């Protein structure tokens, strides 16, 4: 592993970078070919990640974390904000991550925990922490 000792540490650092809107740190924590998977398909690369961070205006508050091997799922509250800080939306979200060599190789958001766990090949018993 590179910067972070476990896949969970890498994911929590990545979420912190998202919450701080720190694109440089986010890119440094991600694989050069990071895959961002959304409802309209998937895209790859650092520039796409930078664009996503700017456009999304997302902050995430983790409440539960599940992990096994390179798969990590974080469940919590997502808040989307306009550039002026106004809240555009808020909902419970589950995020699936793939961590390779200490860096985020893939990120995918789900509206419910069960779907994220199923996609990651994880289950309730893979819960590792409450945040």
N, C-alpha and C. Protein backbone atom coordinates (compact mmCIF):
# COMPACT_ATOMS: atom_id res chain seq x y z
N UNK A 1 0.84 -1.18 0.00
CA UNK A 1 0.00 0.00 0.00
C UNK A 1 0.89 1.24 0.00
N UNK A 2 0.35 2.30 -0.53
CA UNK A 2 1.15 3.51 -0.59
C UNK A 2 0.89 4.40 0.62
N UNK A 3 0.07 5.44 0.47
CA UNK A 3 -0.09 6.45 1.51
C UNK A 3 -0.83 5.96 2.75
N UNK A 4 -1.80 5.10 2.59
CA UNK A 4 -2.68 4.74 3.70
C UNK A 4 -2.55 3.26 4.00
N UNK A 5 -2.64 2.92 5.28
CA UNK A 5 -2.34 1.57 5.69
C UNK A 5 -3.41 0.55 5.30
N UNK A 6 -4.66 0.95 5.25
CA UNK A 6 -5.72 0.02 4.88
C UNK A 6 -6.62 0.64 3.82
N UNK A 7 -7.38 -0.19 3.10
CA UNK A 7 -8.36 0.37 2.17
C UNK A 7 -9.36 1.31 2.86
N UNK A 8 -9.77 0.98 4.09
CA UNK A 8 -10.71 1.85 4.81
C UNK A 8 -10.08 3.21 5.07
N UNK A 9 -8.80 3.24 5.49
CA UNK A 9 -8.11 4.52 5.70
C UNK A 9 -8.08 5.33 4.42
N UNK A 10 -7.80 4.66 3.30
CA UNK A 10 -7.73 5.36 2.00
C UNK A 10 -9.08 5.97 1.65
N UNK A 11 -10.15 5.22 1.87
CA UNK A 11 -11.50 5.71 1.56
C UNK A 11 -11.88 6.88 2.45
N UNK A 12 -11.60 6.78 3.74
CA UNK A 12 -11.95 7.88 4.65
C UNK A 12 -11.15 9.14 4.31
N UNK A 13 -9.88 9.00 3.90
CA UNK A 13 -9.09 10.16 3.48
C UNK A 13 -9.67 10.77 2.21
N UNK A 14 -10.14 9.92 1.29
CA UNK A 14 -10.75 10.38 0.03
C UNK A 14 -12.02 11.17 0.31
N UNK A 15 -12.87 10.65 1.21
CA UNK A 15 -14.10 11.35 1.58
C UNK A 15 -13.77 12.70 2.22
N UNK A 16 -12.74 12.72 3.06
CA UNK A 16 -12.33 13.98 3.69
C UNK A 16 -11.91 15.00 2.62
N UNK A 17 -11.18 14.54 1.60
CA UNK A 17 -10.77 15.44 0.51
C UNK A 17 -11.99 15.96 -0.26
N UNK A 18 -12.98 15.09 -0.49
CA UNK A 18 -14.23 15.52 -1.14
C UNK A 18 -14.91 16.59 -0.29
N UNK A 19 -15.02 16.33 1.01
CA UNK A 19 -15.70 17.27 1.90
C UNK A 19 -14.99 18.61 1.98
N UNK A 20 -13.66 18.60 1.84
CA UNK A 20 -12.87 19.83 1.85
C UNK A 20 -12.80 20.49 0.48
N UNK A 21 -13.40 19.84 -0.54
CA UNK A 21 -13.34 20.31 -1.94
C UNK A 21 -11.89 20.53 -2.37
N UNK A 22 -11.01 19.62 -1.94
CA UNK A 22 -9.58 19.71 -2.24
C UNK A 22 -9.25 18.79 -3.42
N UNK A 23 -9.34 19.34 -4.62
CA UNK A 23 -9.15 18.55 -5.84
C UNK A 23 -7.76 17.95 -5.94
N UNK A 24 -6.73 18.70 -5.56
CA UNK A 24 -5.36 18.18 -5.65
C UNK A 24 -5.17 16.97 -4.74
N UNK A 25 -5.67 17.07 -3.51
CA UNK A 25 -5.55 15.95 -2.57
C UNK A 25 -6.39 14.77 -3.05
N UNK A 26 -7.58 15.05 -3.59
CA UNK A 26 -8.45 13.99 -4.10
C UNK A 26 -7.76 13.22 -5.22
N UNK A 27 -7.15 13.94 -6.14
CA UNK A 27 -6.44 13.30 -7.25
C UNK A 27 -5.25 12.49 -6.73
N UNK A 28 -4.53 13.03 -5.75
CA UNK A 28 -3.37 12.33 -5.18
C UNK A 28 -3.79 11.02 -4.50
N UNK A 29 -4.99 10.98 -3.96
CA UNK A 29 -5.49 9.79 -3.27
C UNK A 29 -6.11 8.77 -4.22
N UNK A 30 -6.20 9.14 -5.50
CA UNK A 30 -6.87 8.31 -6.50
C UNK A 30 -5.88 7.77 -7.52
N UNK A 31 -6.20 6.61 -8.05
CA UNK A 31 -5.44 6.05 -9.16
C UNK A 31 -5.57 6.99 -10.37
N UNK A 32 -4.53 7.05 -11.19
CA UNK A 32 -4.56 7.93 -12.37
C UNK A 32 -5.72 7.61 -13.30
N UNK A 33 -6.17 6.35 -13.30
CA UNK A 33 -7.28 5.93 -14.16
C UNK A 33 -8.55 5.67 -13.34
N UNK A 34 -8.72 6.41 -12.25
CA UNK A 34 -9.88 6.22 -11.37
C UNK A 34 -11.17 6.22 -12.19
N UNK A 35 -12.06 5.30 -11.83
CA UNK A 35 -13.34 5.19 -12.53
C UNK A 35 -14.44 5.76 -11.64
N UNK A 36 -15.21 6.70 -12.19
CA UNK A 36 -16.36 7.28 -11.52
C UNK A 36 -17.59 6.71 -12.22
N UNK A 37 -18.40 5.96 -11.46
CA UNK A 37 -19.56 5.28 -12.04
C UNK A 37 -20.83 5.96 -11.55
N UNK A 38 -21.65 6.35 -12.51
CA UNK A 38 -22.90 7.04 -12.17
C UNK A 38 -24.06 6.47 -12.95
N UNK A 39 -25.22 7.08 -12.80
CA UNK A 39 -26.43 6.58 -13.46
C UNK A 39 -26.34 6.61 -14.98
N UNK A 40 -25.49 7.45 -15.53
CA UNK A 40 -25.38 7.55 -16.99
C UNK A 40 -24.15 6.84 -17.55
N UNK A 41 -23.52 5.99 -16.73
CA UNK A 41 -22.36 5.25 -17.21
C UNK A 41 -21.13 5.56 -16.39
N UNK A 42 -19.97 5.19 -16.94
CA UNK A 42 -18.73 5.41 -16.19
C UNK A 42 -17.73 6.20 -17.02
N UNK A 43 -16.89 6.93 -16.30
CA UNK A 43 -15.83 7.72 -16.91
C UNK A 43 -14.57 7.50 -16.08
N UNK A 44 -13.42 7.82 -16.69
CA UNK A 44 -12.15 7.56 -16.01
C UNK A 44 -11.22 8.76 -16.08
N UNK A 45 -10.36 8.86 -15.06
CA UNK A 45 -9.24 9.79 -15.10
C UNK A 45 -9.32 10.95 -14.12
N UNK A 46 -8.15 11.53 -13.86
CA UNK A 46 -8.01 12.61 -12.88
C UNK A 46 -8.79 13.86 -13.27
N UNK A 47 -8.79 14.21 -14.55
CA UNK A 47 -9.51 15.43 -14.96
C UNK A 47 -11.01 15.27 -14.78
N UNK A 48 -11.52 14.09 -15.08
CA UNK A 48 -12.94 13.80 -14.86
C UNK A 48 -13.26 13.90 -13.37
N UNK A 49 -12.35 13.40 -12.54
CA UNK A 49 -12.54 13.46 -11.09
C UNK A 49 -12.59 14.92 -10.61
N UNK A 50 -11.68 15.73 -11.12
CA UNK A 50 -11.68 17.17 -10.77
C UNK A 50 -13.01 17.82 -11.17
N UNK A 51 -13.45 17.54 -12.39
CA UNK A 51 -14.71 18.11 -12.88
C UNK A 51 -15.88 17.65 -12.01
N UNK A 52 -15.89 16.36 -11.67
CA UNK A 52 -16.95 15.82 -10.83
C UNK A 52 -16.99 16.53 -9.48
N UNK A 53 -15.83 16.72 -8.86
CA UNK A 53 -15.77 17.37 -7.55
C UNK A 53 -16.35 18.78 -7.61
N UNK A 54 -15.97 19.52 -8.64
CA UNK A 54 -16.45 20.89 -8.80
C UNK A 54 -17.95 20.93 -9.05
N UNK A 55 -18.41 20.06 -9.93
CA UNK A 55 -19.82 20.05 -10.34
C UNK A 55 -20.74 19.51 -9.24
N UNK A 56 -20.30 18.48 -8.53
CA UNK A 56 -21.17 17.79 -7.57
C UNK A 56 -21.52 18.64 -6.35
N UNK A 57 -20.55 19.40 -5.83
CA UNK A 57 -20.81 20.17 -4.62
C UNK A 57 -21.23 19.28 -3.46
N UNK A 58 -20.64 18.09 -3.39
CA UNK A 58 -21.06 17.05 -2.45
C UNK A 58 -20.23 17.07 -1.17
N UNK A 59 -20.90 16.87 -0.04
CA UNK A 59 -20.23 16.50 1.20
C UNK A 59 -20.89 15.23 1.70
N UNK A 60 -20.08 14.38 2.33
CA UNK A 60 -20.57 13.09 2.81
C UNK A 60 -20.24 12.94 4.29
N UNK A 61 -21.22 12.52 5.06
CA UNK A 61 -21.01 12.21 6.47
C UNK A 61 -21.18 10.70 6.62
N UNK A 62 -20.07 10.00 6.85
CA UNK A 62 -20.10 8.55 6.96
C UNK A 62 -20.69 8.13 8.30
N UNK A 63 -21.54 7.11 8.28
CA UNK A 63 -22.08 6.57 9.52
C UNK A 63 -21.72 5.09 9.71
N UNK A 64 -21.57 4.37 8.60
CA UNK A 64 -21.20 2.95 8.66
C UNK A 64 -20.21 2.65 7.55
N UNK A 65 -19.26 1.76 7.84
CA UNK A 65 -18.26 1.35 6.86
C UNK A 65 -18.17 -0.17 6.83
N UNK A 66 -18.11 -0.71 5.62
CA UNK A 66 -18.01 -2.15 5.40
C UNK A 66 -16.80 -2.39 4.52
N UNK A 67 -16.04 -3.46 4.78
CA UNK A 67 -14.85 -3.71 3.96
C UNK A 67 -14.43 -5.16 4.01
N UNK A 68 -13.88 -5.60 2.88
CA UNK A 68 -13.22 -6.90 2.78
C UNK A 68 -12.36 -6.84 1.54
N UNK A 69 -11.10 -7.20 1.66
CA UNK A 69 -10.19 -7.15 0.52
C UNK A 69 -10.05 -5.73 0.00
N UNK A 70 -10.25 -5.56 -1.30
CA UNK A 70 -10.11 -4.23 -1.92
C UNK A 70 -11.43 -3.47 -1.97
N UNK A 71 -12.52 -4.09 -1.50
CA UNK A 71 -13.85 -3.48 -1.56
C UNK A 71 -14.19 -2.76 -0.26
N UNK A 72 -14.70 -1.54 -0.40
CA UNK A 72 -15.16 -0.76 0.76
C UNK A 72 -16.49 -0.12 0.38
N UNK A 73 -17.45 -0.17 1.30
CA UNK A 73 -18.72 0.53 1.14
C UNK A 73 -18.91 1.44 2.35
N UNK A 74 -19.25 2.69 2.08
CA UNK A 74 -19.52 3.65 3.15
C UNK A 74 -20.97 4.10 3.02
N UNK A 75 -21.70 4.01 4.12
CA UNK A 75 -23.10 4.45 4.15
C UNK A 75 -23.18 5.70 5.01
N UNK A 76 -23.94 6.67 4.57
CA UNK A 76 -24.08 7.90 5.35
C UNK A 76 -25.00 8.89 4.67
N UNK A 77 -24.80 10.14 4.99
CA UNK A 77 -25.65 11.23 4.49
C UNK A 77 -24.87 12.04 3.47
N UNK A 78 -25.47 12.25 2.31
CA UNK A 78 -24.88 13.10 1.28
C UNK A 78 -25.65 14.40 1.19
N UNK A 79 -24.92 15.51 1.09
CA UNK A 79 -25.53 16.82 0.91
C UNK A 79 -24.90 17.47 -0.30
N UNK A 80 -25.74 17.94 -1.22
CA UNK A 80 -25.27 18.62 -2.43
C UNK A 80 -25.56 20.10 -2.29
N UNK A 81 -24.56 20.94 -2.59
CA UNK A 81 -24.71 22.38 -2.44
C UNK A 81 -24.39 23.11 -3.74
N UNK A 82 -25.08 24.23 -3.92
CA UNK A 82 -24.79 25.15 -5.03
C UNK A 82 -23.48 25.88 -4.71
N UNK A 83 -22.85 26.50 -5.72
CA UNK A 83 -21.61 27.25 -5.46
C UNK A 83 -21.76 28.31 -4.36
N UNK A 84 -22.96 28.84 -4.16
CA UNK A 84 -23.16 29.85 -3.11
C UNK A 84 -23.42 29.22 -1.73
N UNK A 85 -23.39 27.88 -1.67
CA UNK A 85 -23.56 27.18 -0.40
C UNK A 85 -24.98 26.74 -0.10
N UNK A 86 -25.94 27.16 -0.92
CA UNK A 86 -27.33 26.75 -0.70
C UNK A 86 -27.48 25.24 -0.90
N UNK A 87 -28.22 24.60 -0.03
CA UNK A 87 -28.43 23.15 -0.12
C UNK A 87 -29.38 22.86 -1.29
N UNK A 88 -28.90 22.01 -2.21
CA UNK A 88 -29.71 21.61 -3.37
C UNK A 88 -30.44 20.31 -3.12
N UNK A 89 -29.84 19.46 -2.29
CA UNK A 89 -30.44 18.16 -2.01
C UNK A 89 -29.70 17.47 -0.89
N UNK A 90 -30.39 16.52 -0.28
CA UNK A 90 -29.82 15.80 0.85
C UNK A 90 -30.49 14.43 0.90
N UNK A 91 -29.69 13.37 1.06
CA UNK A 91 -30.28 12.03 1.18
C UNK A 91 -29.26 11.06 1.72
N UNK A 92 -29.76 9.92 2.21
CA UNK A 92 -28.88 8.83 2.60
C UNK A 92 -28.28 8.24 1.33
N UNK A 93 -26.99 7.96 1.37
CA UNK A 93 -26.32 7.37 0.22
C UNK A 93 -25.38 6.28 0.68
N UNK A 94 -25.07 5.38 -0.23
CA UNK A 94 -24.05 4.36 0.00
C UNK A 94 -23.07 4.47 -1.15
N UNK A 95 -21.80 4.48 -0.83
CA UNK A 95 -20.77 4.61 -1.85
C UNK A 95 -19.90 3.37 -1.86
N UNK A 96 -19.69 2.83 -3.05
CA UNK A 96 -18.82 1.66 -3.22
C UNK A 96 -17.49 2.13 -3.74
N UNK A 97 -16.42 1.65 -3.13
CA UNK A 97 -15.07 1.98 -3.56
C UNK A 97 -14.29 0.70 -3.84
N UNK A 98 -13.38 0.79 -4.80
CA UNK A 98 -12.37 -0.24 -5.00
C UNK A 98 -11.04 0.43 -4.73
N UNK A 99 -10.24 -0.17 -3.85
CA UNK A 99 -8.94 0.39 -3.47
C UNK A 99 -7.86 -0.54 -3.98
N UNK A 100 -6.95 -0.01 -4.76
CA UNK A 100 -5.82 -0.78 -5.29
C UNK A 100 -4.53 -0.06 -4.97
N UNK A 101 -3.61 -0.78 -4.34
CA UNK A 101 -2.31 -0.22 -3.96
C UNK A 101 -2.45 1.08 -3.18
N UNK A 102 -3.44 1.12 -2.28
CA UNK A 102 -3.62 2.26 -1.40
C UNK A 102 -4.31 3.46 -2.01
N UNK A 103 -4.77 3.33 -3.26
CA UNK A 103 -5.44 4.46 -3.93
C UNK A 103 -6.83 4.04 -4.39
N UNK A 104 -7.72 5.03 -4.48
CA UNK A 104 -9.08 4.77 -4.94
C UNK A 104 -9.05 4.51 -6.44
N UNK A 105 -9.47 3.30 -6.84
CA UNK A 105 -9.49 2.93 -8.26
C UNK A 105 -10.88 3.07 -8.86
N UNK A 106 -11.93 3.02 -8.00
CA UNK A 106 -13.30 3.17 -8.50
C UNK A 106 -14.19 3.72 -7.39
N UNK A 107 -15.14 4.54 -7.81
CA UNK A 107 -16.15 5.12 -6.90
C UNK A 107 -17.51 5.02 -7.59
N UNK A 108 -18.50 4.51 -6.85
CA UNK A 108 -19.86 4.40 -7.39
C UNK A 108 -20.85 4.70 -6.27
N UNK A 109 -21.82 5.57 -6.56
CA UNK A 109 -22.83 5.95 -5.57
C UNK A 109 -24.12 5.18 -5.79
N UNK A 110 -24.72 4.77 -4.67
CA UNK A 110 -26.00 4.07 -4.68
C UNK A 110 -26.97 4.79 -3.77
N UNK A 111 -28.26 4.65 -4.05
CA UNK A 111 -29.27 5.25 -3.20
C UNK A 111 -29.56 4.40 -1.96
N UNK A 112 -29.18 3.12 -2.01
CA UNK A 112 -29.42 2.31 -0.81
C UNK A 112 -28.25 1.38 -0.53
N UNK A 113 -28.10 1.08 0.74
CA UNK A 113 -26.98 0.28 1.22
C UNK A 113 -26.98 -1.13 0.65
N UNK A 114 -28.13 -1.77 0.59
CA UNK A 114 -28.19 -3.16 0.11
C UNK A 114 -27.63 -3.29 -1.30
N UNK A 115 -27.95 -2.35 -2.18
CA UNK A 115 -27.46 -2.39 -3.56
C UNK A 115 -25.94 -2.21 -3.60
N UNK A 116 -25.41 -1.30 -2.80
CA UNK A 116 -23.96 -1.06 -2.78
C UNK A 116 -23.23 -2.29 -2.24
N UNK A 117 -23.75 -2.87 -1.17
CA UNK A 117 -23.12 -4.07 -0.61
C UNK A 117 -23.14 -5.21 -1.62
N UNK A 118 -24.26 -5.40 -2.30
CA UNK A 118 -24.37 -6.48 -3.29
C UNK A 118 -23.36 -6.28 -4.41
N UNK A 119 -23.26 -5.06 -4.94
CA UNK A 119 -22.32 -4.77 -6.03
C UNK A 119 -20.88 -5.00 -5.60
N UNK A 120 -20.58 -4.69 -4.32
CA UNK A 120 -19.22 -4.85 -3.80
C UNK A 120 -18.92 -6.28 -3.35
N UNK A 121 -19.95 -7.13 -3.31
CA UNK A 121 -19.75 -8.48 -2.81
C UNK A 121 -19.56 -8.52 -1.30
N UNK A 122 -20.15 -7.54 -0.62
CA UNK A 122 -20.04 -7.45 0.84
C UNK A 122 -21.40 -7.72 1.47
N UNK A 123 -21.38 -7.91 2.80
CA UNK A 123 -22.61 -8.17 3.54
C UNK A 123 -22.56 -7.42 4.87
N UNK A 124 -23.68 -7.41 5.58
CA UNK A 124 -23.76 -6.72 6.87
C UNK A 124 -22.63 -7.14 7.81
N UNK A 125 -22.25 -8.42 7.77
CA UNK A 125 -21.20 -8.90 8.68
C UNK A 125 -19.81 -8.37 8.33
N UNK A 126 -19.69 -7.68 7.19
CA UNK A 126 -18.41 -7.06 6.81
C UNK A 126 -18.25 -5.65 7.38
N UNK A 127 -19.18 -5.24 8.26
CA UNK A 127 -19.07 -3.90 8.86
C UNK A 127 -17.82 -3.83 9.72
N UNK A 128 -17.04 -2.76 9.53
CA UNK A 128 -15.77 -2.62 10.26
C UNK A 128 -15.77 -1.47 11.24
N UNK A 129 -16.63 -0.49 11.05
CA UNK A 129 -16.66 0.63 11.99
C UNK A 129 -17.95 1.39 11.83
N UNK A 130 -18.19 2.28 12.75
CA UNK A 130 -19.40 3.09 12.71
C UNK A 130 -19.15 4.44 12.05
N UNK A 131 -18.12 4.57 11.25
CA UNK A 131 -17.89 5.86 10.61
C UNK A 131 -16.66 5.88 9.78
